[in-house]
PDB file of N, CA and C in Angstrom:
ATOM      1  N   UNK A   1      19.393   8.682   8.709  1.00  0.00           N
ATOM      2  CA  UNK A   1      19.486   7.800   7.572  1.00  0.00           C
ATOM      3  C   UNK A   1      18.364   8.063   6.560  1.00  0.00           C
ATOM      4  N   UNK A   2      17.150   8.347   7.037  1.00  0.00           N
ATOM      5  CA  UNK A   2      16.028   8.559   6.126  1.00  0.00           C
ATOM      6  C   UNK A   2      16.233   9.810   5.287  1.00  0.00           C
ATOM      7  N   UNK A   3      16.928  10.811   5.822  1.00  0.00           N
ATOM      8  CA  UNK A   3      17.165  12.027   5.062  1.00  0.00           C
ATOM      9  C   UNK A   3      18.182  11.805   3.959  1.00  0.00           C
ATOM     10  N   UNK A   4      18.865  10.673   3.979  1.00  0.00           N
ATOM     11  CA  UNK A   4      19.860  10.370   2.967  1.00  0.00           C
ATOM     12  C   UNK A   4      19.274   9.621   1.778  1.00  0.00           C
ATOM     13  N   UNK A   5      17.983   9.402   1.788  1.00  0.00           N
ATOM     14  CA  UNK A   5      17.340   8.688   0.693  1.00  0.00           C
ATOM     15  C   UNK A   5      17.386   9.563  -0.559  1.00  0.00           C
ATOM     16  N   UNK A   6      17.799   8.971  -1.663  1.00  0.00           N
ATOM     17  CA  UNK A   6      17.904   9.709  -2.916  1.00  0.00           C
ATOM     18  C   UNK A   6      16.560   9.941  -3.569  1.00  0.00           C
ATOM     19  N   UNK A   7      16.562  10.849  -4.517  1.00  0.00           N
ATOM     20  CA  UNK A   7      15.333  11.171  -5.237  1.00  0.00           C
ATOM     21  C   UNK A   7      14.780   9.940  -5.953  1.00  0.00           C
ATOM     22  N   UNK A   8      15.651   9.157  -6.571  1.00  0.00           N
ATOM     23  CA  UNK A   8      15.171   7.970  -7.292  1.00  0.00           C
ATOM     24  C   UNK A   8      14.531   6.964  -6.344  1.00  0.00           C
ATOM     25  N   UNK A   9      15.040   6.885  -5.124  1.00  0.00           N
ATOM     26  CA  UNK A   9      14.439   5.974  -4.139  1.00  0.00           C
ATOM     27  C   UNK A   9      13.065   6.474  -3.701  1.00  0.00           C
ATOM     28  N   UNK A  10      12.956   7.778  -3.535  1.00  0.00           N
ATOM     29  CA  UNK A  10      11.665   8.368  -3.185  1.00  0.00           C
ATOM     30  C   UNK A  10      10.646   8.115  -4.289  1.00  0.00           C
ATOM     31  N   UNK A  11      11.068   8.288  -5.540  1.00  0.00           N
ATOM     32  CA  UNK A  11      10.164   8.047  -6.664  1.00  0.00           C
ATOM     33  C   UNK A  11       9.754   6.581  -6.745  1.00  0.00           C
ATOM     34  N   UNK A  12      10.674   5.673  -6.450  1.00  0.00           N
ATOM     35  CA  UNK A  12      10.335   4.250  -6.454  1.00  0.00           C
ATOM     36  C   UNK A  12       9.316   3.924  -5.364  1.00  0.00           C
ATOM     37  N   UNK A  13       9.453   4.560  -4.200  1.00  0.00           N
ATOM     38  CA  UNK A  13       8.462   4.361  -3.142  1.00  0.00           C
ATOM     39  C   UNK A  13       7.094   4.883  -3.576  1.00  0.00           C
ATOM     40  N   UNK A  14       7.078   6.004  -4.271  1.00  0.00           N
ATOM     41  CA  UNK A  14       5.816   6.534  -4.789  1.00  0.00           C
ATOM     42  C   UNK A  14       5.191   5.558  -5.792  1.00  0.00           C
ATOM     43  N   UNK A  15       6.017   4.954  -6.629  1.00  0.00           N
ATOM     44  CA  UNK A  15       5.508   3.969  -7.588  1.00  0.00           C
ATOM     45  C   UNK A  15       4.901   2.764  -6.867  1.00  0.00           C
ATOM     46  N   UNK A  16       5.583   2.290  -5.830  1.00  0.00           N
ATOM     47  CA  UNK A  16       5.054   1.178  -5.045  1.00  0.00           C
ATOM     48  C   UNK A  16       3.736   1.552  -4.378  1.00  0.00           C
ATOM     49  N   UNK A  17       3.674   2.768  -3.879  1.00  0.00           N
ATOM     50  CA  UNK A  17       2.464   3.239  -3.218  1.00  0.00           C
ATOM     51  C   UNK A  17       1.288   3.275  -4.194  1.00  0.00           C
ATOM     52  N   UNK A  18       1.521   3.776  -5.379  1.00  0.00           N
ATOM     53  CA  UNK A  18       0.466   3.820  -6.398  1.00  0.00           C
ATOM     54  C   UNK A  18       0.021   2.399  -6.759  1.00  0.00           C
ATOM     55  N   UNK A  19       0.991   1.492  -6.936  1.00  0.00           N
ATOM     56  CA  UNK A  19       0.664   0.115  -7.291  1.00  0.00           C
ATOM     57  C   UNK A  19      -0.165  -0.564  -6.201  1.00  0.00           C
ATOM     58  N   UNK A  20       0.245  -0.394  -4.939  1.00  0.00           N
ATOM     59  CA  UNK A  20      -0.482  -1.041  -3.843  1.00  0.00           C
ATOM     60  C   UNK A  20      -1.870  -0.427  -3.656  1.00  0.00           C
ATOM     61  N   UNK A  21      -2.006   0.865  -3.923  1.00  0.00           N
ATOM     62  CA  UNK A  21      -3.332   1.485  -3.872  1.00  0.00           C
ATOM     63  C   UNK A  21      -4.241   0.884  -4.939  1.00  0.00           C
ATOM     64  N   UNK A  22      -3.682   0.645  -6.108  1.00  0.00           N
ATOM     65  CA  UNK A  22      -4.450   0.013  -7.180  1.00  0.00           C
ATOM     66  C   UNK A  22      -4.853  -1.413  -6.783  1.00  0.00           C
ATOM     67  N   UNK A  23      -3.915  -2.153  -6.207  1.00  0.00           N
ATOM     68  CA  UNK A  23      -4.216  -3.521  -5.746  1.00  0.00           C
ATOM     69  C   UNK A  23      -5.339  -3.519  -4.717  1.00  0.00           C
ATOM     70  N   UNK A  24      -5.270  -2.587  -3.774  1.00  0.00           N
ATOM     71  CA  UNK A  24      -6.288  -2.497  -2.731  1.00  0.00           C
ATOM     72  C   UNK A  24      -7.644  -2.146  -3.331  1.00  0.00           C
ATOM     73  N   UNK A  25      -7.662  -1.196  -4.235  1.00  0.00           N
ATOM     74  CA  UNK A  25      -8.915  -0.799  -4.877  1.00  0.00           C
ATOM     75  C   UNK A  25      -9.544  -1.976  -5.611  1.00  0.00           C
ATOM     76  N   UNK A  26      -8.720  -2.729  -6.325  1.00  0.00           N
ATOM     77  CA  UNK A  26      -9.231  -3.880  -7.074  1.00  0.00           C
ATOM     78  C   UNK A  26      -9.747  -4.968  -6.137  1.00  0.00           C
ATOM     79  N   UNK A  27      -9.017  -5.232  -5.054  1.00  0.00           N
ATOM     80  CA  UNK A  27      -9.458  -6.247  -4.090  1.00  0.00           C
ATOM     81  C   UNK A  27     -10.792  -5.880  -3.461  1.00  0.00           C
ATOM     82  N   UNK A  28     -10.940  -4.611  -3.094  1.00  0.00           N
ATOM     83  CA  UNK A  28     -12.193  -4.160  -2.482  1.00  0.00           C
ATOM     84  C   UNK A  28     -13.340  -4.262  -3.488  1.00  0.00           C
ATOM     85  N   UNK A  29     -13.094  -3.851  -4.723  1.00  0.00           N
ATOM     86  CA  UNK A  29     -14.132  -3.897  -5.751  1.00  0.00           C
ATOM     87  C   UNK A  29     -14.550  -5.336  -6.053  1.00  0.00           C
ATOM     88  N   UNK A  30     -13.579  -6.209  -6.147  1.00  0.00           N
ATOM     89  CA  UNK A  30     -13.882  -7.606  -6.479  1.00  0.00           C
ATOM     90  C   UNK A  30     -14.496  -8.346  -5.289  1.00  0.00           C
ATOM     91  N   UNK A  31     -14.190  -7.893  -4.072  1.00  0.00           N
ATOM     92  CA  UNK A  31     -14.707  -8.545  -2.875  1.00  0.00           C
ATOM     93  C   UNK A  31     -16.223  -8.592  -2.834  1.00  0.00           C
ATOM     94  N   UNK A  32     -16.857  -7.574  -3.360  1.00  0.00           N
ATOM     95  CA  UNK A  32     -18.308  -7.544  -3.386  1.00  0.00           C
ATOM     96  C   UNK A  32     -18.918  -8.507  -4.381  1.00  0.00           C
ATOM     97  N   UNK A  33     -18.133  -8.949  -5.342  1.00  0.00           N
ATOM     98  CA  UNK A  33     -18.642  -9.841  -6.383  1.00  0.00           C
ATOM     99  C   UNK A  33     -18.365 -11.319  -6.106  1.00  0.00           C
ATOM    100  N   UNK A  34     -17.429 -11.578  -5.211  1.00  0.00           N
ATOM    101  CA  UNK A  34     -16.969 -12.950  -4.972  1.00  0.00           C
ATOM    102  C   UNK A  34     -17.982 -13.720  -4.128  1.00  0.00           C
ATOM    103  N   UNK A  35     -18.278 -14.928  -4.553  1.00  0.00           N
ATOM    104  CA  UNK A  35     -19.196 -15.801  -3.825  1.00  0.00           C
ATOM    105  C   UNK A  35     -18.459 -16.881  -3.021  1.00  0.00           C
ATOM    106  N   UNK A  36     -17.325 -17.325  -3.544  1.00  0.00           N
ATOM    107  CA  UNK A  36     -16.575 -18.409  -2.910  1.00  0.00           C
ATOM    108  C   UNK A  36     -15.950 -17.918  -1.600  1.00  0.00           C
ATOM    109  N   UNK A  37     -16.230 -18.600  -0.476  1.00  0.00           N
ATOM    110  CA  UNK A  37     -15.710 -18.152   0.819  1.00  0.00           C
ATOM    111  C   UNK A  37     -14.180 -18.179   0.909  1.00  0.00           C
ATOM    112  N   UNK A  38     -13.560 -19.150   0.259  1.00  0.00           N
ATOM    113  CA  UNK A  38     -12.096 -19.227   0.294  1.00  0.00           C
ATOM    114  C   UNK A  38     -11.480 -18.049  -0.445  1.00  0.00           C
ATOM    115  N   UNK A  39     -12.009 -17.744  -1.599  1.00  0.00           N
ATOM    116  CA  UNK A  39     -11.507 -16.611  -2.371  1.00  0.00           C
ATOM    117  C   UNK A  39     -11.777 -15.292  -1.646  1.00  0.00           C
ATOM    118  N   UNK A  40     -12.933 -15.202  -1.002  1.00  0.00           N
ATOM    119  CA  UNK A  40     -13.266 -13.996  -0.245  1.00  0.00           C
ATOM    120  C   UNK A  40     -12.260 -13.792   0.894  1.00  0.00           C
ATOM    121  N   UNK A  41     -11.869 -14.882   1.560  1.00  0.00           N
ATOM    122  CA  UNK A  41     -10.872 -14.811   2.630  1.00  0.00           C
ATOM    123  C   UNK A  41      -9.522 -14.367   2.087  1.00  0.00           C
ATOM    124  N   UNK A  42      -9.150 -14.895   0.928  1.00  0.00           N
ATOM    125  CA  UNK A  42      -7.881 -14.503   0.297  1.00  0.00           C
ATOM    126  C   UNK A  42      -7.889 -13.014  -0.021  1.00  0.00           C
ATOM    127  N   UNK A  43      -8.980 -12.515  -0.570  1.00  0.00           N
ATOM    128  CA  UNK A  43      -9.089 -11.094  -0.890  1.00  0.00           C
ATOM    129  C   UNK A  43      -9.036 -10.228   0.369  1.00  0.00           C
ATOM    130  N   UNK A  44      -9.694 -10.671   1.436  1.00  0.00           N
ATOM    131  CA  UNK A  44      -9.672  -9.911   2.689  1.00  0.00           C
ATOM    132  C   UNK A  44      -8.263  -9.874   3.282  1.00  0.00           C
ATOM    133  N   UNK A  45      -7.556 -10.995   3.218  1.00  0.00           N
ATOM    134  CA  UNK A  45      -6.170 -11.032   3.695  1.00  0.00           C
ATOM    135  C   UNK A  45      -5.289 -10.114   2.855  1.00  0.00           C
ATOM    136  N   UNK A  46      -5.523 -10.122   1.555  1.00  0.00           N
ATOM    137  CA  UNK A  46      -4.771  -9.252   0.653  1.00  0.00           C
ATOM    138  C   UNK A  46      -5.033  -7.788   0.978  1.00  0.00           C
ATOM    139  N   UNK A  47      -6.290  -7.453   1.241  1.00  0.00           N
ATOM    140  CA  UNK A  47      -6.648  -6.085   1.589  1.00  0.00           C
ATOM    141  C   UNK A  47      -5.933  -5.642   2.865  1.00  0.00           C
ATOM    142  N   UNK A  48      -5.943  -6.501   3.870  1.00  0.00           N
ATOM    143  CA  UNK A  48      -5.293  -6.162   5.141  1.00  0.00           C
ATOM    144  C   UNK A  48      -3.793  -5.944   4.933  1.00  0.00           C
ATOM    145  N   UNK A  49      -3.160  -6.807   4.146  1.00  0.00           N
ATOM    146  CA  UNK A  49      -1.736  -6.661   3.858  1.00  0.00           C
ATOM    147  C   UNK A  49      -1.436  -5.400   3.075  1.00  0.00           C
ATOM    148  N   UNK A  50      -2.290  -5.087   2.109  1.00  0.00           N
ATOM    149  CA  UNK A  50      -2.102  -3.878   1.305  1.00  0.00           C
ATOM    150  C   UNK A  50      -2.233  -2.619   2.160  1.00  0.00           C
ATOM    151  N   UNK A  51      -3.222  -2.601   3.056  1.00  0.00           N
ATOM    152  CA  UNK A  51      -3.412  -1.439   3.932  1.00  0.00           C
ATOM    153  C   UNK A  51      -2.183  -1.234   4.809  1.00  0.00           C
ATOM    154  N   UNK A  52      -1.670  -2.320   5.373  1.00  0.00           N
ATOM    155  CA  UNK A  52      -0.482  -2.219   6.226  1.00  0.00           C
ATOM    156  C   UNK A  52       0.718  -1.712   5.421  1.00  0.00           C
ATOM    157  N   UNK A  53       0.919  -2.246   4.239  1.00  0.00           N
ATOM    158  CA  UNK A  53       2.027  -1.835   3.374  1.00  0.00           C
ATOM    159  C   UNK A  53       1.909  -0.350   3.020  1.00  0.00           C
ATOM    160  N   UNK A  54       0.711   0.076   2.653  1.00  0.00           N
ATOM    161  CA  UNK A  54       0.473   1.476   2.286  1.00  0.00           C
ATOM    162  C   UNK A  54       0.796   2.393   3.460  1.00  0.00           C
ATOM    163  N   UNK A  55       0.354   2.015   4.655  1.00  0.00           N
ATOM    164  CA  UNK A  55       0.630   2.834   5.836  1.00  0.00           C
ATOM    165  C   UNK A  55       2.131   2.927   6.116  1.00  0.00           C
ATOM    166  N   UNK A  56       2.840   1.825   5.942  1.00  0.00           N
ATOM    167  CA  UNK A  56       4.284   1.833   6.168  1.00  0.00           C
ATOM    168  C   UNK A  56       5.008   2.720   5.154  1.00  0.00           C
ATOM    169  N   UNK A  57       4.641   2.619   3.895  1.00  0.00           N
ATOM    170  CA  UNK A  57       5.269   3.448   2.863  1.00  0.00           C
ATOM    171  C   UNK A  57       4.945   4.925   3.098  1.00  0.00           C
ATOM    172  N   UNK A  58       3.699   5.220   3.459  1.00  0.00           N
ATOM    173  CA  UNK A  58       3.333   6.606   3.754  1.00  0.00           C
ATOM    174  C   UNK A  58       4.154   7.146   4.918  1.00  0.00           C
ATOM    175  N   UNK A  59       4.363   6.329   5.919  1.00  0.00           N
ATOM    176  CA  UNK A  59       5.167   6.738   7.071  1.00  0.00           C
ATOM    177  C   UNK A  59       6.603   7.046   6.662  1.00  0.00           C
ATOM    178  N   UNK A  60       7.177   6.210   5.834  1.00  0.00           N
ATOM    179  CA  UNK A  60       8.543   6.437   5.354  1.00  0.00           C
ATOM    180  C   UNK A  60       8.626   7.731   4.561  1.00  0.00           C
ATOM    181  N   UNK A  61       7.654   7.942   3.673  1.00  0.00           N
ATOM    182  CA  UNK A  61       7.665   9.149   2.851  1.00  0.00           C
ATOM    183  C   UNK A  61       7.457  10.409   3.700  1.00  0.00           C
ATOM    184  N   UNK A  62       6.608  10.323   4.720  1.00  0.00           N
ATOM    185  CA  UNK A  62       6.399  11.468   5.602  1.00  0.00           C
ATOM    186  C   UNK A  62       7.681  11.811   6.353  1.00  0.00           C
ATOM    187  N   UNK A  63       8.371  10.790   6.853  1.00  0.00           N
ATOM    188  CA  UNK A  63       9.638  11.041   7.546  1.00  0.00           C
ATOM    189  C   UNK A  63      10.655  11.627   6.584  1.00  0.00           C
ATOM    190  N   UNK A  64      10.659  11.165   5.362  1.00  0.00           N
ATOM    191  CA  UNK A  64      11.589  11.646   4.345  1.00  0.00           C
ATOM    192  C   UNK A  64      11.375  13.120   4.083  1.00  0.00           C
ATOM    193  N   UNK A  65      10.117  13.548   4.128  1.00  0.00           N
ATOM    194  CA  UNK A  65       9.782  14.942   3.838  1.00  0.00           C
ATOM    195  C   UNK A  65       9.640  15.778   5.111  1.00  0.00           C
ATOM    196  N   UNK A  66       9.937  15.176   6.264  1.00  0.00           N
ATOM    197  CA  UNK A  66       9.888  15.916   7.518  1.00  0.00           C
ATOM    198  C   UNK A  66       8.493  16.267   7.988  1.00  0.00           C
ATOM    199  N   UNK A  67       7.515  15.454   7.618  1.00  0.00           N
ATOM    200  CA  UNK A  67       6.134  15.693   8.024  1.00  0.00           C
ATOM    201  C   UNK A  67       5.847  14.859   9.272  1.00  0.00           C
ATOM    202  N   UNK A  68       5.335  15.518  10.318  1.00  0.00           N
ATOM    203  CA  UNK A  68       4.991  14.798  11.550  1.00  0.00           C
ATOM    204  C   UNK A  68       3.744  13.978  11.319  1.00  0.00           C
ATOM    205  N   UNK A  69       3.715  12.809  11.949  1.00  0.00           N
ATOM    206  CA  UNK A  69       2.549  11.934  11.811  1.00  0.00           C
ATOM    207  C   UNK A  69       1.561  12.200  12.907  1.00  0.00           C
TER     208      UNK A  69
END
């Protein structure tokens, strides 16, 4: 099924990957500036979610291109 993914779907996954990488970079950068513990927790949760999402998308793209993990 993964080999049946169209080019436009692959490109959309790449767009999502770029966006989530940007989100992660911003969360990490802002995390050092945040003083409020609640906001810091929100940023840390966001970072963890972004990392998981990025890993999942990378895994899908690797399978799509036949790259072993």
